[in-house]
Amino acid sequence: MVIEKNRRKTLIERLLARIKIMDMGYTVNGQPSLCHIWTGSHSGNGRGGQYGRISVNGITSATHIVAYTHYHGYIPCKMQVDHLCNQRLCCNPEHLELVSHLENQKRRAERAIREKKKLQSGR
């Protein structure tokens, strides 16, 4: 019985233990879709920052990629995982989608334009 009590947590158990489920305003078909926000360590606030980080066999990995591969499987070469909800700390597998680098950059630019317009309109 002691062995069971002291067993190490699986990777997905470690991931789920540090997630807070929150309404961040993302909707699917007009219905709220809750984000699974990583509350553990992240990559900082610099350019390209604010992605969740978790150690996998001694290597630091992005939490959204760990979640995607656990629930959806292998990520093909030259594909990236995009956050449909635009929340970099979100690990909800329903909010993650495989896209090409070009599509990911296009979406990022479109989001930036929408945010700029929103700020300019005062909303």
C-alpha atoms as a PDB file:
ATOM      1  CA  MET A   1       0.000   0.000   0.000  1.00  0.00           C
ATOM      2  CA  VAL A   2       2.875   2.406   0.636  1.00  0.00           C
ATOM      3  CA  ILE A   3       3.966   2.094  -2.994  1.00  0.00           C
ATOM      4  CA  GLU A   4       0.570   3.372  -4.196  1.00  0.00           C
ATOM      5  CA  LYS A   5       0.646   6.258  -1.725  1.00  0.00           C
ATOM      6  CA  ASN A   6       4.085   7.432  -2.853  1.00  0.00           C
ATOM      7  CA  ARG A   7       3.688   6.853  -6.577  1.00  0.00           C
ATOM      8  CA  ARG A   8       4.664   9.721  -8.840  1.00  0.00           C
ATOM      9  CA  LYS A   9       1.903  11.606 -10.596  1.00  0.00           C
ATOM     10  CA  THR A  10       1.524  11.067 -14.312  1.00  0.00           C
ATOM     11  CA  LEU A  11       2.207  13.980 -16.624  1.00  0.00           C
ATOM     12  CA  ILE A  12      -1.491  14.593 -17.234  1.00  0.00           C
ATOM     13  CA  GLU A  13      -2.201  14.486 -13.473  1.00  0.00           C
ATOM     14  CA  ARG A  14       0.498  17.128 -12.961  1.00  0.00           C
ATOM     15  CA  LEU A  15      -0.984  19.228 -15.757  1.00  0.00           C
ATOM     16  CA  LEU A  16      -4.565  18.998 -14.479  1.00  0.00           C
ATOM     17  CA  ALA A  17      -3.482  19.794 -10.902  1.00  0.00           C
ATOM     18  CA  ARG A  18      -2.288  23.260 -11.989  1.00  0.00           C
ATOM     19  CA  ILE A  19      -5.288  24.253 -14.135  1.00  0.00           C
ATOM     20  CA  LYS A  20      -8.009  26.701 -13.142  1.00  0.00           C
ATOM     21  CA  ILE A  21     -11.185  26.560 -15.242  1.00  0.00           C
ATOM     22  CA  MET A  22     -12.278  30.106 -16.110  1.00  0.00           C
ATOM     23  CA  ASP A  23     -14.630  32.010 -18.401  1.00  0.00           C
ATOM     24  CA  MET A  24     -12.314  34.187 -20.477  1.00  0.00           C
ATOM     25  CA  GLY A  25     -15.023  35.333 -22.900  1.00  0.00           C
ATOM     26  CA  TYR A  26     -14.439  32.711 -25.603  1.00  0.00           C
ATOM     27  CA  THR A  27     -17.593  31.287 -27.197  1.00  0.00           C
ATOM     28  CA  VAL A  28     -18.386  28.385 -29.529  1.00  0.00           C
ATOM     29  CA  ASN A  29     -21.657  28.641 -31.464  1.00  0.00           C
ATOM     30  CA  GLY A  30     -22.737  31.482 -29.181  1.00  0.00           C
ATOM     31  CA  GLN A  31     -22.177  29.455 -26.007  1.00  0.00           C
ATOM     32  CA  PRO A  32     -19.424  30.147 -23.454  1.00  0.00           C
ATOM     33  CA  SER A  33     -16.492  27.747 -23.701  1.00  0.00           C
ATOM     34  CA  LEU A  34     -14.371  27.742 -20.556  1.00  0.00           C
ATOM     35  CA  CYS A  35     -10.602  28.055 -20.729  1.00  0.00           C
ATOM     36  CA  HIS A  36      -8.337  25.731 -18.723  1.00  0.00           C
ATOM     37  CA  ILE A  37      -5.806  28.297 -17.514  1.00  0.00           C
ATOM     38  CA  TRP A  38      -2.380  27.018 -16.462  1.00  0.00           C
ATOM     39  CA  THR A  39      -1.472  28.461 -13.054  1.00  0.00           C
ATOM     40  CA  GLY A  40       2.078  27.096 -12.868  1.00  0.00           C
ATOM     41  CA  SER A  41       5.280  28.532 -14.286  1.00  0.00           C
ATOM     42  CA  HIS A  42       5.326  30.320 -17.622  1.00  0.00           C
ATOM     43  CA  SER A  43       7.828  31.629 -20.128  1.00  0.00           C
ATOM     44  CA  GLY A  44       7.810  35.240 -18.946  1.00  0.00           C
ATOM     45  CA  ASN A  45       6.396  38.471 -20.321  1.00  0.00           C
ATOM     46  CA  GLY A  46       8.756  39.160 -23.204  1.00  0.00           C
ATOM     47  CA  ARG A  47       8.066  38.777 -26.912  1.00  0.00           C
ATOM     48  CA  GLY A  48       6.486  35.383 -27.456  1.00  0.00           C
ATOM     49  CA  GLY A  49       6.105  34.948 -23.707  1.00  0.00           C
ATOM     50  CA  GLN A  50       3.308  33.964 -21.360  1.00  0.00           C
ATOM     51  CA  TYR A  51       3.098  30.318 -22.453  1.00  0.00           C
ATOM     52  CA  GLY A  52       2.712  27.754 -19.677  1.00  0.00           C
ATOM     53  CA  ARG A  53       5.724  25.527 -18.991  1.00  0.00           C
ATOM     54  CA  ILE A  54       5.991  22.026 -17.507  1.00  0.00           C
ATOM     55  CA  SER A  55       8.923  19.635 -17.154  1.00  0.00           C
ATOM     56  CA  VAL A  56       8.648  16.416 -19.188  1.00  0.00           C
ATOM     57  CA  ASN A  57      11.500  13.974 -18.503  1.00  0.00           C
ATOM     58  CA  GLY A  58      13.778  16.855 -17.545  1.00  0.00           C
ATOM     59  CA  ILE A  59      12.909  18.942 -20.619  1.00  0.00           C
ATOM     60  CA  THR A  60      10.764  22.072 -20.360  1.00  0.00           C
ATOM     61  CA  SER A  61       7.725  21.887 -22.633  1.00  0.00           C
ATOM     62  CA  ALA A  62       4.799  24.187 -23.420  1.00  0.00           C
ATOM     63  CA  THR A  63       1.672  23.135 -21.524  1.00  0.00           C
ATOM     64  CA  HIS A  64      -0.674  23.650 -24.479  1.00  0.00           C
ATOM     65  CA  ILE A  65       1.455  21.296 -26.583  1.00  0.00           C
ATOM     66  CA  VAL A  66       1.481  18.673 -23.810  1.00  0.00           C
ATOM     67  CA  ALA A  67      -2.324  18.941 -23.552  1.00  0.00           C
ATOM     68  CA  TYR A  68      -2.779  18.768 -27.330  1.00  0.00           C
ATOM     69  CA  THR A  69      -0.634  15.662 -27.758  1.00  0.00           C
ATOM     70  CA  HIS A  70      -2.299  13.920 -24.800  1.00  0.00           C
ATOM     71  CA  TYR A  71      -5.837  14.440 -26.111  1.00  0.00           C
ATOM     72  CA  HIS A  72      -5.339  14.595 -29.898  1.00  0.00           C
ATOM     73  CA  GLY A  73      -2.071  12.778 -30.559  1.00  0.00           C
ATOM     74  CA  TYR A  74       1.039  13.444 -32.591  1.00  0.00           C
ATOM     75  CA  ILE A  75       1.825  16.906 -33.987  1.00  0.00           C
ATOM     76  CA  PRO A  76       3.108  16.552 -37.566  1.00  0.00           C
ATOM     77  CA  CYS A  77       6.307  18.279 -38.616  1.00  0.00           C
ATOM     78  CA  LYS A  78       5.865  21.937 -39.620  1.00  0.00           C
ATOM     79  CA  MET A  79       2.542  22.230 -37.791  1.00  0.00           C
ATOM     80  CA  GLN A  80       1.854  24.435 -34.782  1.00  0.00           C
ATOM     81  CA  VAL A  81      -0.803  24.428 -32.071  1.00  0.00           C
ATOM     82  CA  ASP A  82      -2.942  27.577 -32.148  1.00  0.00           C
ATOM     83  CA  HIS A  83      -5.116  28.852 -29.286  1.00  0.00           C
ATOM     84  CA  LEU A  84      -8.575  29.511 -30.737  1.00  0.00           C
ATOM     85  CA  CYS A  85      -9.465  31.372 -27.523  1.00  0.00           C
ATOM     86  CA  ASN A  86      -6.378  33.624 -27.810  1.00  0.00           C
ATOM     87  CA  GLN A  87      -5.332  32.758 -24.225  1.00  0.00           C
ATOM     88  CA  ARG A  88      -1.716  31.589 -24.216  1.00  0.00           C
ATOM     89  CA  LEU A  89      -2.082  29.893 -20.826  1.00  0.00           C
ATOM     90  CA  CYS A  90      -5.158  27.899 -21.915  1.00  0.00           C
ATOM     91  CA  CYS A  91      -4.752  24.108 -22.102  1.00  0.00           C
ATOM     92  CA  ASN A  92      -8.350  23.220 -23.024  1.00  0.00           C
ATOM     93  CA  PRO A  93      -7.930  20.664 -25.845  1.00  0.00           C
ATOM     94  CA  GLU A  94     -11.137  21.984 -27.463  1.00  0.00           C
ATOM     95  CA  HIS A  95      -9.488  25.406 -27.790  1.00  0.00           C
ATOM     96  CA  LEU A  96      -6.341  24.067 -29.480  1.00  0.00           C
ATOM     97  CA  GLU A  97      -6.034  23.540 -33.224  1.00  0.00           C
ATOM     98  CA  LEU A  98      -3.231  22.380 -35.503  1.00  0.00           C
ATOM     99  CA  VAL A  99      -2.303  24.960 -38.121  1.00  0.00           C
ATOM    100  CA  SER A 100       0.625  25.745 -40.382  1.00  0.00           C
ATOM    101  CA  HIS A 101       3.143  28.395 -39.325  1.00  0.00           C
ATOM    102  CA  LEU A 102       1.760  30.715 -42.012  1.00  0.00           C
ATOM    103  CA  GLU A 103      -1.827  30.295 -40.759  1.00  0.00           C
ATOM    104  CA  ASN A 104      -0.715  30.834 -37.154  1.00  0.00           C
ATOM    105  CA  GLN A 105       1.030  34.098 -38.095  1.00  0.00           C
ATOM    106  CA  LYS A 106      -1.974  35.219 -40.156  1.00  0.00           C
ATOM    107  CA  ARG A 107      -4.320  34.630 -37.217  1.00  0.00           C
ATOM    108  CA  ARG A 108      -1.963  36.440 -34.844  1.00  0.00           C
ATOM    109  CA  ALA A 109      -1.924  39.476 -37.143  1.00  0.00           C
ATOM    110  CA  GLU A 110      -5.738  39.424 -37.475  1.00  0.00           C
ATOM    111  CA  ARG A 111      -6.120  39.274 -33.684  1.00  0.00           C
ATOM    112  CA  ALA A 112      -3.726  42.195 -33.246  1.00  0.00           C
ATOM    113  CA  ILE A 113      -5.746  44.279 -35.732  1.00  0.00           C
ATOM    114  CA  ARG A 114      -9.010  43.435 -33.923  1.00  0.00           C
ATOM    115  CA  GLU A 115      -7.480  44.360 -30.546  1.00  0.00           C
ATOM    116  CA  LYS A 116      -6.156  47.651 -31.929  1.00  0.00           C
ATOM    117  CA  LYS A 117      -9.588  48.542 -33.349  1.00  0.00           C
ATOM    118  CA  LYS A 118     -11.226  47.604 -30.046  1.00  0.00           C
ATOM    119  CA  LEU A 119      -8.836  49.891 -28.132  1.00  0.00           C
ATOM    120  CA  GLN A 120      -9.374  52.749 -30.586  1.00  0.00           C
ATOM    121  CA  SER A 121     -13.167  52.464 -30.340  1.00  0.00           C
ATOM    122  CA  GLY A 122     -12.992  52.456 -26.535  1.00  0.00           C
ATOM    123  CA  ARG A 123     -14.752  49.104 -26.085  1.00  0.00           C
END
